[in-house]
Amino acid sequence: MISRRHALAGLLGPSLLRPAHADVPVLQVVIDLRSEIAAGRFDPQRDRIGIRGAHPPLSWSRTWPADETGQAGLYRTRIAFERPPFGDQPVAYKFKIERPGAPGGEGWEPGPNHRVRLAPGARVERAWAAVPEPLPARRTGRFDRFAMADGTTTPPRGIQVWLPPAYGEEPSRRHPLLVMHDGQNLFDDTAAGSEWQLDETAERLVRAGQIAPPLIVGIESKAQRIHDYTPWPGRLRSDGPAAAVGGGGPAYADWIARVLLPELERRYPVEPGPQRRFVGGSSLGGLLSMWMLLHQPGQWGGALVVSPSVWWADEALLGDIGSRPAGPPPRLWLDIGLQEGESAVAGARRLHRRLLAQGWPHRHTEAPDGGHDEVSWAARGEAMLRFLFEGN
């Protein structure tokens, strides 16, 4: 008797198993919709099925179509990716049903994103709404993990600290400090399905003697992320006339300066003073990092402002940037991916021009293939770490 897995694999056929080019990662997909058809939730005469995902040519904003196989309820497609994801990261994806006249937000496969690694011969053969198969987390180096209360009624915040190679072997050695928002996404892909891979990148650079060995601290974000990461109340892009949200950024930043930083200095041999202490984040975390550099000048020697959400609160950030105060210039990194959308790119460019006009020196980069995702930020991680720590 032929197993169901072998039967599905046979639907791919020999022609679909041959990549167009040996260097192009190819994913073969078979989608089993028989249960959805039997339950009346998918009409083969009307509806279409496809895939959305996080790595080109897949996109979260458009559906890559799958075609009928000739066997009722089974659909297939072949996806030739433009290149492997940075750092051999898995591709996050979901199936989506497209139904004529239905709102764009409907038709998503329920549950968390699925992930697949683009190894040679990679394929997905499964039913709609199957439970995602976990992929082992990848971490490099030594870590500390602990939790800290923030003085509110919310549960304590998780803190992750990456320790550089040979940490503790030189008792007199002190380390520069990088504090990052969305810390659960920095070192493994368990939370987001992809990661910054700052542990692998920093480990390699430190071992090669190309950067000073930093301590990288990730503050895990919580359910109130939007509130914490926004300096002013605002509206989400889809909110319309809904009430404003957010505005908790100053309190969150104050907790970092008043509670977290002293605790880090107590636990670890960090370099004294603000000039060797940096803050960073992406999206709303990038917005907040820029605000913290502006409003906490005695705390930070620089910031990583990655894919910042300049649009928040009608671009209030632009009006918040005054002339740079006297003293040593901060190390300020500003970037954007050109695949993040016209509005995001235009906002980052306006921020760049505003910083120049007000006398803030900074590194401004635009990544041609960069999207608004952890894989894209991981690809720029080496440049960020070199910018902060090279030659120190």
Protein backbone atom coordinates (compact mmCIF):
# COMPACT_ATOMS: atom_id res chain seq x y z
CA MET A 1 0.00 0.00 0.00
CA ILE A 2 1.37 3.43 -0.95
CA SER A 3 1.62 5.82 1.99
CA ARG A 4 -0.14 9.17 1.86
CA ARG A 5 3.23 10.95 1.99
CA HIS A 6 4.55 9.00 -1.00
CA ALA A 7 1.33 9.60 -2.90
CA LEU A 8 1.62 13.33 -2.35
CA ALA A 9 5.29 13.30 -3.33
CA GLY A 10 4.43 11.56 -6.56
CA LEU A 11 2.20 14.46 -7.55
CA LEU A 12 5.24 16.68 -7.91
CA GLY A 13 6.50 14.77 -10.91
CA PRO A 14 10.07 14.60 -12.23
CA SER A 15 9.91 17.93 -14.06
CA LEU A 16 8.95 19.81 -10.90
CA LEU A 17 11.83 18.28 -8.99
CA ARG A 18 14.46 19.80 -11.27
CA PRO A 19 15.46 23.38 -10.32
CA ALA A 20 15.80 25.89 -13.13
CA HIS A 21 19.35 26.57 -11.91
CA ALA A 22 21.46 24.65 -9.44
CA ASP A 23 22.06 27.73 -7.27
CA VAL A 24 18.37 28.70 -7.00
CA PRO A 25 16.64 27.24 -3.91
CA VAL A 26 13.39 25.60 -4.97
CA LEU A 27 10.47 24.60 -2.76
CA GLN A 28 7.86 22.09 -3.91
CA VAL A 29 4.46 22.39 -2.23
CA VAL A 30 1.36 20.18 -2.13
CA ILE A 31 -1.67 21.51 -0.23
CA ASP A 32 -4.35 19.08 0.91
CA LEU A 33 -7.75 20.80 1.07
CA ARG A 34 -9.93 17.70 1.16
CA SER A 35 -11.12 18.33 4.70
CA GLU A 36 -11.98 21.95 3.88
CA ILE A 37 -13.93 20.89 0.81
CA ALA A 38 -15.80 18.21 2.73
CA ALA A 39 -16.73 20.77 5.42
CA GLY A 40 -17.95 23.26 2.81
CA ARG A 41 -15.28 25.85 3.62
CA PHE A 42 -13.60 25.70 0.22
CA ASP A 43 -15.41 25.68 -3.12
CA PRO A 44 -13.13 24.40 -5.91
CA GLN A 45 -15.32 26.06 -8.52
CA ARG A 46 -15.06 29.50 -6.92
CA ASP A 47 -12.12 29.72 -4.49
CA ARG A 48 -8.39 29.70 -5.06
CA ILE A 49 -5.58 28.59 -2.76
CA GLY A 50 -2.01 29.86 -2.47
CA ILE A 51 0.84 30.80 -0.17
CA ARG A 52 2.07 33.99 1.45
CA GLY A 53 5.40 34.31 3.20
CA ALA A 54 8.41 36.30 4.25
CA HIS A 55 11.08 35.73 1.57
CA PRO A 56 11.02 36.78 -2.11
CA PRO A 57 9.26 35.84 -4.28
CA LEU A 58 6.83 35.12 -1.43
CA SER A 59 5.24 38.13 0.21
CA TRP A 60 2.83 38.73 3.07
CA SER A 61 0.87 41.18 0.88
CA ARG A 62 0.15 38.99 -2.17
CA THR A 63 -0.66 35.34 -2.72
CA TRP A 64 1.52 32.95 -4.69
CA PRO A 65 -1.03 30.68 -6.41
CA ALA A 66 -1.23 26.91 -6.30
CA ASP A 67 -2.85 24.89 -9.09
CA GLU A 68 -5.02 21.81 -9.18
CA THR A 69 -3.10 18.54 -9.39
CA GLY A 70 -5.80 16.56 -11.17
CA GLN A 71 -6.59 14.72 -7.95
CA ALA A 72 -9.58 16.20 -6.15
CA GLY A 73 -8.68 18.43 -3.22
CA LEU A 74 -4.92 18.48 -3.80
CA TYR A 75 -3.11 21.57 -5.09
CA ARG A 76 0.54 22.12 -5.91
CA THR A 77 3.05 24.80 -6.79
CA ARG A 78 6.76 25.24 -7.28
CA ILE A 79 8.56 28.29 -5.85
CA ALA A 80 12.02 29.23 -7.13
CA PHE A 81 13.46 31.67 -4.59
CA GLU A 82 15.70 34.49 -5.72
CA ARG A 83 18.35 33.59 -3.15
CA PRO A 84 18.65 31.68 0.14
CA PRO A 85 17.58 33.60 3.26
CA PHE A 86 20.45 35.24 5.09
CA GLY A 87 22.14 32.92 7.59
CA ASP A 88 20.28 29.83 6.37
CA GLN A 89 17.18 30.95 8.22
CA PRO A 90 13.84 29.22 7.64
CA VAL A 91 11.15 30.80 5.50
CA ALA A 92 7.97 31.68 7.37
CA TYR A 93 4.76 31.09 5.41
CA LYS A 94 1.02 30.41 5.57
CA PHE A 95 -1.56 29.10 3.15
CA LYS A 96 -4.33 31.52 2.18
CA ILE A 97 -7.68 31.05 0.49
CA GLU A 98 -8.66 33.75 -1.99
CA ARG A 99 -12.42 34.06 -2.36
CA PRO A 100 -14.05 36.52 -4.81
CA GLY A 101 -15.50 39.52 -3.00
CA ALA A 102 -14.03 38.60 0.41
CA PRO A 103 -12.06 41.21 2.41
CA GLY A 104 -8.31 40.88 2.05
CA GLY A 105 -7.89 39.99 5.72
CA GLU A 106 -9.98 36.83 5.40
CA GLY A 107 -8.92 33.39 4.23
CA TRP A 108 -5.74 33.02 6.27
CA GLU A 109 -4.79 29.59 7.52
CA PRO A 110 -5.43 29.54 11.30
CA GLY A 111 -2.70 29.22 13.90
CA PRO A 112 0.91 30.39 13.98
CA ASN A 113 3.15 30.71 10.93
CA HIS A 114 4.75 27.59 9.51
CA ARG A 115 8.47 27.49 8.67
CA VAL A 116 10.58 25.55 6.21
CA ARG A 117 14.31 25.47 5.55
CA LEU A 118 15.33 25.65 1.90
CA ALA A 119 17.60 22.61 1.86
CA PRO A 120 18.11 20.75 -1.43
CA GLY A 121 14.93 18.92 -2.29
CA ALA A 122 12.87 20.96 0.17
CA ARG A 123 9.13 20.32 0.00
CA VAL A 124 5.97 20.94 1.96
CA GLU A 125 3.25 18.30 1.80
CA ARG A 126 0.50 18.81 4.31
CA ALA A 127 -3.14 19.51 5.04
CA TRP A 128 -4.64 22.92 5.66
CA ALA A 129 -4.41 24.00 9.34
CA ALA A 130 -1.92 21.28 10.28
CA VAL A 131 -0.02 21.93 13.51
CA PRO A 132 3.37 23.55 12.68
CA GLU A 133 6.34 21.27 13.14
CA PRO A 134 8.89 22.91 15.44
CA LEU A 135 12.39 23.59 14.17
CA PRO A 136 15.27 23.42 16.65
CA ALA A 137 16.41 26.81 17.91
CA ARG A 138 19.95 27.81 17.01
CA ARG A 139 22.06 29.77 19.49
CA THR A 140 25.77 30.55 19.54
CA GLY A 141 27.82 31.45 22.60
CA ARG A 142 27.01 31.90 26.27
CA PHE A 143 23.86 33.52 27.62
CA ASP A 144 22.40 34.76 30.86
CA ARG A 145 18.63 34.98 31.28
CA PHE A 146 16.72 36.61 34.10
CA ALA A 147 13.56 38.64 34.68
CA MET A 148 13.03 42.11 36.09
CA ALA A 149 9.89 43.86 37.28
CA ASP A 150 9.15 47.28 35.83
CA GLY A 151 7.04 48.69 38.65
CA THR A 152 3.71 48.02 36.93
CA THR A 153 1.13 45.27 37.31
CA THR A 154 2.47 43.43 34.23
CA PRO A 155 4.63 40.31 34.70
CA PRO A 156 8.40 40.83 34.94
CA ARG A 157 10.26 41.47 31.71
CA GLY A 158 12.55 38.78 30.37
CA ILE A 159 16.17 39.86 29.87
CA GLN A 160 18.62 37.96 27.68
CA VAL A 161 22.34 38.76 27.75
CA TRP A 162 24.81 37.47 25.17
CA LEU A 163 28.30 37.09 26.64
CA PRO A 164 31.30 37.37 24.28
CA PRO A 165 33.94 34.65 23.83
CA ALA A 166 36.43 34.42 26.70
CA TYR A 167 34.09 36.43 28.91
CA GLY A 168 35.39 36.45 32.49
CA GLU A 169 38.85 35.14 31.62
CA GLU A 170 40.39 38.60 32.09
CA PRO A 171 39.13 39.93 35.44
CA SER A 172 40.09 43.50 34.58
CA ARG A 173 38.34 43.48 31.17
CA ARG A 174 35.33 45.77 30.82
CA HIS A 175 32.86 45.63 27.97
CA PRO A 176 30.81 48.07 25.91
CA LEU A 177 27.06 47.58 26.14
CA LEU A 178 24.32 47.29 23.52
CA VAL A 179 20.73 47.26 24.82
CA MET A 180 18.14 46.12 22.27
CA HIS A 181 14.33 46.18 22.21
CA ASP A 182 12.36 43.09 21.07
CA GLY A 183 15.06 41.00 22.71
CA GLN A 184 13.26 37.70 22.10
CA ASN A 185 14.03 38.03 18.36
CA LEU A 186 17.78 38.67 18.56
CA PHE A 187 19.33 35.25 19.20
CA ASP A 188 16.91 32.56 18.01
CA ASP A 189 13.78 32.29 15.89
CA THR A 190 11.49 30.71 18.48
CA ALA A 191 9.33 33.81 18.96
CA ALA A 192 9.14 35.34 15.49
CA GLY A 193 10.03 32.49 13.14
CA SER A 194 13.22 34.32 12.17
CA GLU A 195 15.93 36.21 14.06
CA TRP A 196 18.61 38.88 13.95
CA GLN A 197 21.38 36.27 14.51
CA LEU A 198 23.33 38.82 16.54
CA ASP A 199 24.88 36.00 18.54
CA GLU A 200 26.41 34.29 15.50
CA THR A 201 27.52 37.57 13.96
CA ALA A 202 29.04 38.99 17.15
CA GLU A 203 30.74 35.67 17.99
CA ARG A 204 32.41 35.56 14.59
CA LEU A 205 33.54 39.19 14.66
CA VAL A 206 34.89 39.00 18.21
CA ARG A 207 36.79 35.78 17.57
CA ALA A 208 38.34 37.36 14.47
CA GLY A 209 39.41 40.38 16.51
CA GLN A 210 37.35 42.70 14.31
CA ILE A 211 35.23 44.32 17.04
CA ALA A 212 35.60 44.95 20.74
CA PRO A 213 33.73 42.24 22.70
CA PRO A 214 30.37 43.76 23.69
CA LEU A 215 27.62 42.62 26.00
CA ILE A 216 24.39 42.44 23.98
CA VAL A 217 21.27 42.78 26.12
CA GLY A 218 17.82 41.96 24.75
CA ILE A 219 14.73 43.24 26.57
CA GLU A 220 11.84 40.98 25.62
CA SER A 221 8.76 42.86 24.45
CA LYS A 222 5.38 42.09 25.95
CA ALA A 223 1.72 42.40 25.02
CA GLN A 224 1.87 46.16 25.59
CA ARG A 225 4.66 46.56 23.01
CA ILE A 226 2.93 49.37 21.11
CA HIS A 227 2.37 51.27 24.33
CA ASP A 228 5.97 50.80 25.47
CA TYR A 229 7.65 51.64 22.17
CA THR A 230 5.76 54.83 21.26
CA PRO A 231 6.80 58.18 22.76
CA TRP A 232 3.46 59.78 21.89
CA PRO A 233 -0.14 58.55 21.56
CA GLY A 234 -1.05 57.75 17.97
CA ARG A 235 -3.26 55.65 15.78
CA LEU A 236 -2.40 52.46 13.98
CA ARG A 237 -2.59 52.80 10.22
CA SER A 238 -5.75 50.70 10.12
CA ASP A 239 -7.39 52.38 13.10
CA GLY A 240 -9.28 55.10 11.23
CA PRO A 241 -11.30 57.11 13.74
CA ALA A 242 -10.52 54.74 16.61
CA ALA A 243 -9.13 56.09 19.87
CA ALA A 244 -5.43 56.84 20.10
CA VAL A 245 -3.10 54.21 21.57
CA GLY A 246 0.46 54.21 22.84
CA GLY A 247 2.47 56.92 24.52
CA GLY A 248 4.20 54.80 27.17
CA GLY A 249 7.69 55.16 25.69
CA PRO A 250 8.97 57.74 28.20
CA ALA A 251 8.02 55.55 31.17
CA TYR A 252 9.58 52.46 29.58
CA ALA A 253 12.77 54.39 28.74
CA ASP A 254 12.91 55.74 32.28
CA TRP A 255 12.69 52.19 33.68
CA ILE A 256 15.63 51.16 31.49
CA ALA A 257 17.76 54.09 32.68
CA ARG A 258 16.69 54.02 36.33
CA VAL A 259 16.38 50.26 37.01
CA LEU A 260 17.83 48.08 34.26
CA LEU A 261 21.12 49.87 33.57
CA PRO A 262 22.17 49.94 37.26
CA GLU A 263 21.35 46.24 37.52
CA LEU A 264 23.47 45.48 34.45
CA GLU A 265 26.34 47.48 35.92
CA ARG A 266 26.00 45.51 39.15
CA ARG A 267 26.02 42.13 37.40
CA TYR A 268 28.58 42.70 34.63
CA PRO A 269 31.91 44.50 34.08
CA VAL A 270 30.59 47.14 31.67
CA GLU A 271 32.62 50.13 30.62
CA PRO A 272 31.75 53.23 32.66
CA GLY A 273 29.99 56.27 31.25
CA PRO A 274 27.52 56.71 28.40
CA GLN A 275 29.96 56.88 25.48
CA ARG A 276 30.30 53.09 25.32
CA ARG A 277 26.63 52.36 25.93
CA PHE A 278 24.21 52.02 22.99
CA VAL A 279 20.51 51.39 22.47
CA GLY A 280 18.82 49.92 19.41
CA GLY A 281 15.73 48.45 17.86
CA SER A 282 13.70 48.08 14.69
CA SER A 283 10.31 49.40 13.54
CA LEU A 284 8.69 50.99 16.61
CA GLY A 285 11.84 49.93 18.48
CA GLY A 286 13.82 52.08 16.05
CA LEU A 287 11.49 55.00 16.65
CA LEU A 288 11.92 54.68 20.41
CA SER A 289 15.71 54.29 20.16
CA MET A 290 15.93 57.61 18.31
CA TRP A 291 13.72 59.23 20.95
CA MET A 292 15.89 57.83 23.77
CA LEU A 293 19.04 59.22 22.17
CA LEU A 294 17.37 62.63 21.96
CA HIS A 295 15.84 62.68 25.43
CA GLN A 296 18.36 60.71 27.50
CA PRO A 297 21.64 62.32 26.41
CA GLY A 298 23.40 61.39 29.63
CA GLN A 299 22.66 57.68 29.15
CA TRP A 300 23.59 56.73 25.57
CA GLY A 301 26.60 57.12 23.34
CA GLY A 302 24.66 56.16 20.23
CA ALA A 303 21.73 54.28 18.77
CA LEU A 304 20.76 51.76 16.10
CA VAL A 305 17.66 53.23 14.45
CA VAL A 306 16.63 50.33 12.21
CA SER A 307 13.67 50.55 9.82
CA PRO A 308 12.09 53.18 12.10
CA SER A 309 8.33 53.77 12.19
CA VAL A 310 8.69 57.46 11.39
CA TRP A 311 5.00 57.56 10.44
CA TRP A 312 3.85 57.16 14.06
CA ALA A 313 1.78 60.08 15.45
CA ASP A 314 1.90 61.99 12.14
CA GLU A 315 5.71 61.87 12.06
CA ALA A 316 6.03 63.59 15.43
CA LEU A 317 9.63 62.38 15.59
CA LEU A 318 10.70 64.80 12.87
CA GLY A 319 9.48 67.79 14.85
CA ASP A 320 11.15 66.45 17.98
CA ILE A 321 14.67 66.67 16.56
CA GLY A 322 16.38 69.90 17.57
CA SER A 323 19.98 70.95 17.11
CA ARG A 324 22.52 68.48 18.42
CA PRO A 325 23.90 69.58 21.79
CA ALA A 326 27.58 70.27 22.24
CA GLY A 327 29.86 67.41 23.23
CA PRO A 328 31.09 64.20 21.64
CA PRO A 329 28.85 63.24 18.70
CA PRO A 330 26.88 60.02 19.22
CA ARG A 331 27.28 56.99 17.01
CA LEU A 332 23.97 57.07 15.17
CA TRP A 333 22.98 54.39 12.65
CA LEU A 334 19.87 54.94 10.51
CA ASP A 335 18.72 52.48 7.85
CA ILE A 336 15.75 51.31 5.81
CA GLY A 337 15.06 48.45 3.40
CA LEU A 338 13.87 49.52 -0.03
CA GLN A 339 11.32 46.67 -0.03
CA GLU A 340 9.54 48.03 3.06
CA GLY A 341 7.18 50.18 1.03
CA GLU A 342 7.28 53.70 -0.38
CA SER A 343 5.90 55.32 2.77
CA ALA A 344 8.50 53.71 5.05
CA VAL A 345 11.36 54.62 2.73
CA ALA A 346 10.14 58.20 2.36
CA GLY A 347 9.82 58.56 6.14
CA ALA A 348 13.36 57.31 6.76
CA ARG A 349 14.68 59.71 4.13
CA ARG A 350 12.87 62.62 5.76
CA LEU A 351 14.42 61.63 9.09
CA HIS A 352 17.86 61.50 7.43
CA ARG A 353 17.42 65.00 6.01
CA ARG A 354 16.14 66.35 9.32
CA LEU A 355 19.15 64.95 11.17
CA LEU A 356 21.52 66.52 8.65
CA ALA A 357 19.78 69.87 8.91
CA GLN A 358 20.08 69.85 12.70
CA GLY A 359 23.74 68.85 12.75
CA TRP A 360 23.45 65.21 13.83
CA PRO A 361 26.22 63.15 12.15
CA HIS A 362 25.04 59.64 11.36
CA ARG A 363 25.45 56.64 9.09
CA HIS A 364 22.50 56.40 6.69
CA THR A 365 22.08 53.23 4.62
CA GLU A 366 19.41 51.82 2.33
CA ALA A 367 19.31 48.07 1.68
CA PRO A 368 18.05 47.36 -1.86
CA ASP A 369 16.63 43.92 -0.96
CA GLY A 370 15.69 44.72 2.64
CA GLY A 371 12.19 44.02 3.88
CA HIS A 372 10.58 44.76 7.25
CA ASP A 373 11.66 41.51 8.90
CA GLU A 374 14.29 39.90 11.09
CA VAL A 375 16.09 38.19 8.20
CA SER A 376 16.67 41.55 6.52
CA TRP A 377 17.91 43.08 9.78
CA ALA A 378 20.19 40.08 10.33
CA ALA A 379 21.78 40.70 6.95
CA ARG A 380 22.75 44.20 8.15
CA GLY A 381 23.83 43.05 11.62
CA GLU A 382 27.54 42.82 10.84
CA ALA A 383 27.63 46.37 9.49
CA MET A 384 25.79 47.62 12.59
CA LEU A 385 28.15 45.90 15.03
CA ARG A 386 31.21 47.11 13.13
CA PHE A 387 29.83 50.64 13.17
CA LEU A 388 29.46 50.59 16.96
CA PHE A 389 32.43 48.51 18.06
CA GLU A 390 35.09 48.30 15.31
CA GLY A 391 38.50 49.52 16.34
CA ASN A 392 37.50 49.91 19.99
